[in-house]
Structures are given as C-alpha cells and as structure tokens.
Amino acid sequence: MKLTDSKFKLETALLNGLFVVCMVICGLFLASMVTIKPAPVQLASNAHTSATVTHAPSA
C-alpha cells in the first residue's frame, strides 16, 4: 500500500462522512418544515364594512 492509496481512502471516507452528515441535516430541515403547525394569522379586522364606508371620501 502506497502513501497515496491511504490518502485517497482517507479522503473518500471524509467525503462519504460529509455526504451523510449533509443528508441528515437536510432531512431534519425537511421534516421540520413538513411537520410544523403555524399559528393562524388574522389578515382582516372584525370591523363592520359600514364603518369603513362612512369614512370613505364622497365623490
């Protein structure tokens, strides 16, 4: 076994480990995005439309 052979084996093992770690992190992010339960957002107020119409400028 030459020095270059062991260097390539070490490099390959490091790259395989990095790939596995990246896939695990991406999987965790995907799982958290899919399973999140966001709070409902109220986009409009509960005011009546008649109150809004009375404040509109007359043409």
PDB file of N, CA and C in Angstrom:
ATOM      1  N   MET A   1       0.851  -1.179   0.000  1.00  0.00           N
ATOM      2  CA  MET A   1       0.000   0.000   0.000  1.00  0.00           C
ATOM      3  C   MET A   1       0.892   1.235   0.000  1.00  0.00           C
ATOM      4  N   LYS A   2       0.628   2.112  -0.905  1.00  0.00           N
ATOM      5  CA  LYS A   2       1.409   3.340  -1.005  1.00  0.00           C
ATOM      6  C   LYS A   2       0.772   4.437  -0.162  1.00  0.00           C
ATOM      7  N   LEU A   3       1.519   5.495   0.039  1.00  0.00           N
ATOM      8  CA  LEU A   3       1.015   6.634   0.812  1.00  0.00           C
ATOM      9  C   LEU A   3      -0.176   7.274   0.097  1.00  0.00           C
ATOM     10  N   THR A   4      -0.127   7.325  -1.239  1.00  0.00           N
ATOM     11  CA  THR A   4      -1.224   7.955  -1.982  1.00  0.00           C
ATOM     12  C   THR A   4      -2.501   7.129  -1.873  1.00  0.00           C
ATOM     13  N   ASP A   5      -2.376   5.803  -1.782  1.00  0.00           N
ATOM     14  CA  ASP A   5      -3.562   4.961  -1.633  1.00  0.00           C
ATOM     15  C   ASP A   5      -4.271   5.249  -0.312  1.00  0.00           C
ATOM     16  N   SER A   6      -3.504   5.350   0.765  1.00  0.00           N
ATOM     17  CA  SER A   6      -4.124   5.628   2.055  1.00  0.00           C
ATOM     18  C   SER A   6      -4.686   7.050   2.097  1.00  0.00           C
ATOM     19  N   LYS A   7      -4.030   7.972   1.380  1.00  0.00           N
ATOM     20  CA  LYS A   7      -4.536   9.349   1.327  1.00  0.00           C
ATOM     21  C   LYS A   7      -5.889   9.387   0.624  1.00  0.00           C
ATOM     22  N   PHE A   8      -6.019   8.650  -0.487  1.00  0.00           N
ATOM     23  CA  PHE A   8      -7.287   8.633  -1.209  1.00  0.00           C
ATOM     24  C   PHE A   8      -8.376   7.933  -0.413  1.00  0.00           C
ATOM     25  N   LYS A   9      -8.010   6.890   0.338  1.00  0.00           N
ATOM     26  CA  LYS A   9      -9.002   6.203   1.158  1.00  0.00           C
ATOM     27  C   LYS A   9      -9.499   7.113   2.278  1.00  0.00           C
ATOM     28  N   LEU A  10      -8.575   7.851   2.891  1.00  0.00           N
ATOM     29  CA  LEU A  10      -8.968   8.790   3.942  1.00  0.00           C
ATOM     30  C   LEU A  10      -9.846   9.894   3.372  1.00  0.00           C
ATOM     31  N   GLU A  11      -9.466  10.399   2.216  1.00  0.00           N
ATOM     32  CA  GLU A  11     -10.247  11.458   1.580  1.00  0.00           C
ATOM     33  C   GLU A  11     -11.638  10.965   1.201  1.00  0.00           C
ATOM     34  N   THR A  12     -11.720   9.752   0.687  1.00  0.00           N
ATOM     35  CA  THR A  12     -13.007   9.175   0.323  1.00  0.00           C
ATOM     36  C   THR A  12     -13.879   8.975   1.559  1.00  0.00           C
ATOM     37  N   ALA A  13     -13.289   8.514   2.635  1.00  0.00           N
ATOM     38  CA  ALA A  13     -14.054   8.324   3.872  1.00  0.00           C
ATOM     39  C   ALA A  13     -14.560   9.658   4.406  1.00  0.00           C
ATOM     40  N   LEU A  14     -13.733  10.694   4.338  1.00  0.00           N
ATOM     41  CA  LEU A  14     -14.170  12.018   4.800  1.00  0.00           C
ATOM     42  C   LEU A  14     -15.304  12.562   3.936  1.00  0.00           C
ATOM     43  N   LEU A  15     -15.194  12.383   2.633  1.00  0.00           N
ATOM     44  CA  LEU A  15     -16.255  12.862   1.746  1.00  0.00           C
ATOM     45  C   LEU A  15     -17.548  12.078   1.954  1.00  0.00           C
ATOM     46  N   ASN A  16     -17.440  10.772   2.168  1.00  0.00           N
ATOM     47  CA  ASN A  16     -18.638   9.980   2.445  1.00  0.00           C
ATOM     48  C   ASN A  16     -19.282  10.410   3.764  1.00  0.00           C
ATOM     49  N   GLY A  17     -18.466  10.672   4.767  1.00  0.00           N
ATOM     50  CA  GLY A  17     -18.997  11.145   6.040  1.00  0.00           C
ATOM     51  C   GLY A  17     -19.663  12.504   5.913  1.00  0.00           C
ATOM     52  N   LEU A  18     -19.043  13.397   5.145  1.00  0.00           N
ATOM     53  CA  LEU A  18     -19.631  14.715   4.926  1.00  0.00           C
ATOM     54  C   LEU A  18     -20.956  14.602   4.187  1.00  0.00           C
ATOM     55  N   PHE A  19     -21.012  13.698   3.220  1.00  0.00           N
ATOM     56  CA  PHE A  19     -22.259  13.498   2.481  1.00  0.00           C
ATOM     57  C   PHE A  19     -23.365  13.010   3.409  1.00  0.00           C
ATOM     58  N   VAL A  20     -23.043  12.061   4.275  1.00  0.00           N
ATOM     59  CA  VAL A  20     -24.036  11.526   5.201  1.00  0.00           C
ATOM     60  C   VAL A  20     -24.518  12.614   6.157  1.00  0.00           C
ATOM     61  N   VAL A  21     -23.592  13.416   6.676  1.00  0.00           N
ATOM     62  CA  VAL A  21     -23.964  14.490   7.604  1.00  0.00           C
ATOM     63  C   VAL A  21     -24.859  15.511   6.899  1.00  0.00           C
ATOM     64  N   CYS A  22     -24.526  15.871   5.669  1.00  0.00           N
ATOM     65  CA  CYS A  22     -25.348  16.836   4.919  1.00  0.00           C
ATOM     66  C   CYS A  22     -26.743  16.282   4.643  1.00  0.00           C
ATOM     67  N   MET A  23     -26.826  14.994   4.315  1.00  0.00           N
ATOM     68  CA  MET A  23     -28.137  14.397   4.063  1.00  0.00           C
ATOM     69  C   MET A  23     -28.975  14.346   5.339  1.00  0.00           C
ATOM     70  N   VAL A  24     -28.351  14.074   6.468  1.00  0.00           N
ATOM     71  CA  VAL A  24     -29.086  14.053   7.736  1.00  0.00           C
ATOM     72  C   VAL A  24     -29.603  15.444   8.076  1.00  0.00           C
ATOM     73  N   ILE A  25     -28.763  16.456   7.902  1.00  0.00           N
ATOM     74  CA  ILE A  25     -29.182  17.829   8.196  1.00  0.00           C
ATOM     75  C   ILE A  25     -30.316  18.261   7.265  1.00  0.00           C
ATOM     76  N   CYS A  26     -30.191  17.950   5.980  1.00  0.00           N
ATOM     77  CA  CYS A  26     -31.257  18.295   5.037  1.00  0.00           C
ATOM     78  C   CYS A  26     -32.550  17.563   5.388  1.00  0.00           C
ATOM     79  N   GLY A  27     -32.443  16.313   5.800  1.00  0.00           N
ATOM     80  CA  GLY A  27     -33.625  15.560   6.202  1.00  0.00           C
ATOM     81  C   GLY A  27     -34.296  16.157   7.426  1.00  0.00           C
ATOM     82  N   LEU A  28     -33.490  16.614   8.381  1.00  0.00           N
ATOM     83  CA  LEU A  28     -34.054  17.249   9.575  1.00  0.00           C
ATOM     84  C   LEU A  28     -34.767  18.553   9.225  1.00  0.00           C
ATOM     85  N   PHE A  29     -34.155  19.351   8.347  1.00  0.00           N
ATOM     86  CA  PHE A  29     -34.812  20.586   7.910  1.00  0.00           C
ATOM     87  C   PHE A  29     -36.119  20.289   7.189  1.00  0.00           C
ATOM     88  N   LEU A  30     -36.107  19.308   6.310  1.00  0.00           N
ATOM     89  CA  LEU A  30     -37.319  18.962   5.573  1.00  0.00           C
ATOM     90  C   LEU A  30     -38.402  18.467   6.522  1.00  0.00           C
ATOM     91  N   ALA A  31     -38.026  17.630   7.466  1.00  0.00           N
ATOM     92  CA  ALA A  31     -39.001  17.111   8.431  1.00  0.00           C
ATOM     93  C   ALA A  31     -39.583  18.235   9.279  1.00  0.00           C
ATOM     94  N   SER A  32     -38.760  19.195   9.668  1.00  0.00           N
ATOM     95  CA  SER A  32     -39.284  20.295  10.484  1.00  0.00           C
ATOM     96  C   SER A  32     -40.204  21.199   9.668  1.00  0.00           C
ATOM     97  N   MET A  33     -39.926  21.366   8.373  1.00  0.00           N
ATOM     98  CA  MET A  33     -40.804  22.198   7.542  1.00  0.00           C
ATOM     99  C   MET A  33     -42.136  21.503   7.270  1.00  0.00           C
ATOM    100  N   VAL A  34     -42.107  20.186   7.140  1.00  0.00           N
ATOM    101  CA  VAL A  34     -43.336  19.453   6.820  1.00  0.00           C
ATOM    102  C   VAL A  34     -44.229  19.313   8.045  1.00  0.00           C
ATOM    103  N   THR A  35     -43.645  19.130   9.215  1.00  0.00           N
ATOM    104  CA  THR A  35     -44.442  18.851  10.411  1.00  0.00           C
ATOM    105  C   THR A  35     -44.774  20.089  11.232  1.00  0.00           C
ATOM    106  N   ILE A  36     -44.387  21.276  10.800  1.00  0.00           N
ATOM    107  CA  ILE A  36     -44.647  22.486  11.590  1.00  0.00           C
ATOM    108  C   ILE A  36     -46.131  22.825  11.548  1.00  0.00           C
ATOM    109  N   LYS A  37     -46.638  23.307  12.643  1.00  0.00           N
ATOM    110  CA  LYS A  37     -48.037  23.735  12.758  1.00  0.00           C
ATOM    111  C   LYS A  37     -48.045  25.242  13.023  1.00  0.00           C
ATOM    112  N   PRO A  38     -48.112  26.053  11.976  1.00  0.00           N
ATOM    113  CA  PRO A  38     -48.066  27.503  12.189  1.00  0.00           C
ATOM    114  C   PRO A  38     -49.352  28.019  12.839  1.00  0.00           C
ATOM    115  N   ALA A  39     -49.206  29.097  13.563  1.00  0.00           N
ATOM    116  CA  ALA A  39     -50.361  29.742  14.187  1.00  0.00           C
ATOM    117  C   ALA A  39     -51.175  30.451  13.105  1.00  0.00           C
ATOM    118  N   PRO A  40     -52.486  30.461  13.233  1.00  0.00           N
ATOM    119  CA  PRO A  40     -53.303  31.153  12.234  1.00  0.00           C
ATOM    120  C   PRO A  40     -53.062  32.662  12.278  1.00  0.00           C
ATOM    121  N   VAL A  41     -53.139  33.279  11.123  1.00  0.00           N
ATOM    122  CA  VAL A  41     -52.897  34.711  11.004  1.00  0.00           C
ATOM    123  C   VAL A  41     -54.204  35.390  10.638  1.00  0.00           C
ATOM    124  N   GLN A  42     -54.516  36.490  11.339  1.00  0.00           N
ATOM    125  CA  GLN A  42     -55.720  37.247  11.031  1.00  0.00           C
ATOM    126  C   GLN A  42     -55.313  38.396  10.120  1.00  0.00           C
ATOM    127  N   LEU A  43     -55.759  38.346   8.873  1.00  0.00           N
ATOM    128  CA  LEU A  43     -55.374  39.355   7.895  1.00  0.00           C
ATOM    129  C   LEU A  43     -56.322  40.553   7.873  1.00  0.00           C
ATOM    130  N   ALA A  44     -57.548  40.357   8.288  1.00  0.00           N
ATOM    131  CA  ALA A  44     -58.527  41.455   8.291  1.00  0.00           C
ATOM    132  C   ALA A  44     -59.083  41.628   9.696  1.00  0.00           C
ATOM    133  N   SER A  45     -59.529  42.832   9.986  1.00  0.00           N
ATOM    134  CA  SER A  45     -60.106  43.081  11.308  1.00  0.00           C
ATOM    135  C   SER A  45     -61.571  42.635  11.313  1.00  0.00           C
ATOM    136  N   ASN A  46     -62.138  42.616  12.487  1.00  0.00           N
ATOM    137  CA  ASN A  46     -63.537  42.209  12.631  1.00  0.00           C
ATOM    138  C   ASN A  46     -64.495  43.390  12.517  1.00  0.00           C
ATOM    139  N   ALA A  47     -64.022  44.539  12.081  1.00  0.00           N
ATOM    140  CA  ALA A  47     -64.878  45.724  11.971  1.00  0.00           C
ATOM    141  C   ALA A  47     -65.904  45.522  10.855  1.00  0.00           C
ATOM    142  N   HIS A  48     -67.050  46.161  11.034  1.00  0.00           N
ATOM    143  CA  HIS A  48     -68.105  46.068  10.029  1.00  0.00           C
ATOM    144  C   HIS A  48     -67.744  46.907   8.809  1.00  0.00           C
ATOM    145  N   THR A  49     -68.251  46.512   7.668  1.00  0.00           N
ATOM    146  CA  THR A  49     -67.962  47.252   6.446  1.00  0.00           C
ATOM    147  C   THR A  49     -68.667  48.607   6.433  1.00  0.00           C
ATOM    148  N   SER A  50     -69.759  48.741   7.155  1.00  0.00           N
ATOM    149  CA  SER A  50     -70.486  50.020   7.158  1.00  0.00           C
ATOM    150  C   SER A  50     -69.629  51.107   7.815  1.00  0.00           C
ATOM    151  N   ALA A  51     -68.845  50.749   8.810  1.00  0.00           N
ATOM    152  CA  ALA A  51     -67.969  51.739   9.445  1.00  0.00           C
ATOM    153  C   ALA A  51     -66.879  52.190   8.472  1.00  0.00           C
ATOM    154  N   THR A  52     -66.453  51.304   7.634  1.00  0.00           N
ATOM    155  CA  THR A  52     -65.406  51.652   6.656  1.00  0.00           C
ATOM    156  C   THR A  52     -65.979  52.549   5.559  1.00  0.00           C
ATOM    157  N   VAL A  53     -67.213  52.259   5.158  1.00  0.00           N
ATOM    158  CA  VAL A  53     -67.832  53.031   4.086  1.00  0.00           C
ATOM    159  C   VAL A  53     -68.121  54.457   4.540  1.00  0.00           C
ATOM    160  N   THR A  54     -68.460  54.686   5.796  1.00  0.00           N
ATOM    161  CA  THR A  54     -68.777  56.026   6.259  1.00  0.00           C
ATOM    162  C   THR A  54     -67.529  56.916   6.268  1.00  0.00           C
ATOM    163  N   HIS A  55     -66.358  56.319   6.393  1.00  0.00           N
ATOM    164  CA  HIS A  55     -65.138  57.125   6.397  1.00  0.00           C
ATOM    165  C   HIS A  55     -64.556  57.339   4.998  1.00  0.00           C
ATOM    166  N   ALA A  56     -65.163  56.723   3.999  1.00  0.00           N
ATOM    167  CA  ALA A  56     -64.659  56.875   2.630  1.00  0.00           C
ATOM    168  C   ALA A  56     -65.007  58.276   2.105  1.00  0.00           C
ATOM    169  N   PRO A  57     -64.131  58.860   1.328  1.00  0.00           N
ATOM    170  CA  PRO A  57     -64.449  60.187   0.768  1.00  0.00           C
ATOM    171  C   PRO A  57     -65.563  60.097  -0.261  1.00  0.00           C
ATOM    172  N   SER A  58     -66.409  61.104  -0.276  1.00  0.00           N
ATOM    173  CA  SER A  58     -67.518  61.095  -1.230  1.00  0.00           C
ATOM    174  C   SER A  58     -67.041  61.683  -2.561  1.00  0.00           C
ATOM    175  N   ALA A  59     -67.553  61.111  -3.610  1.00  0.00           N
ATOM    176  CA  ALA A  59     -67.122  61.556  -4.943  1.00  0.00           C
ATOM    177  C   ALA A  59     -68.051  62.614  -5.500  1.00  0.00           C
TER     178      ALA A  59
END
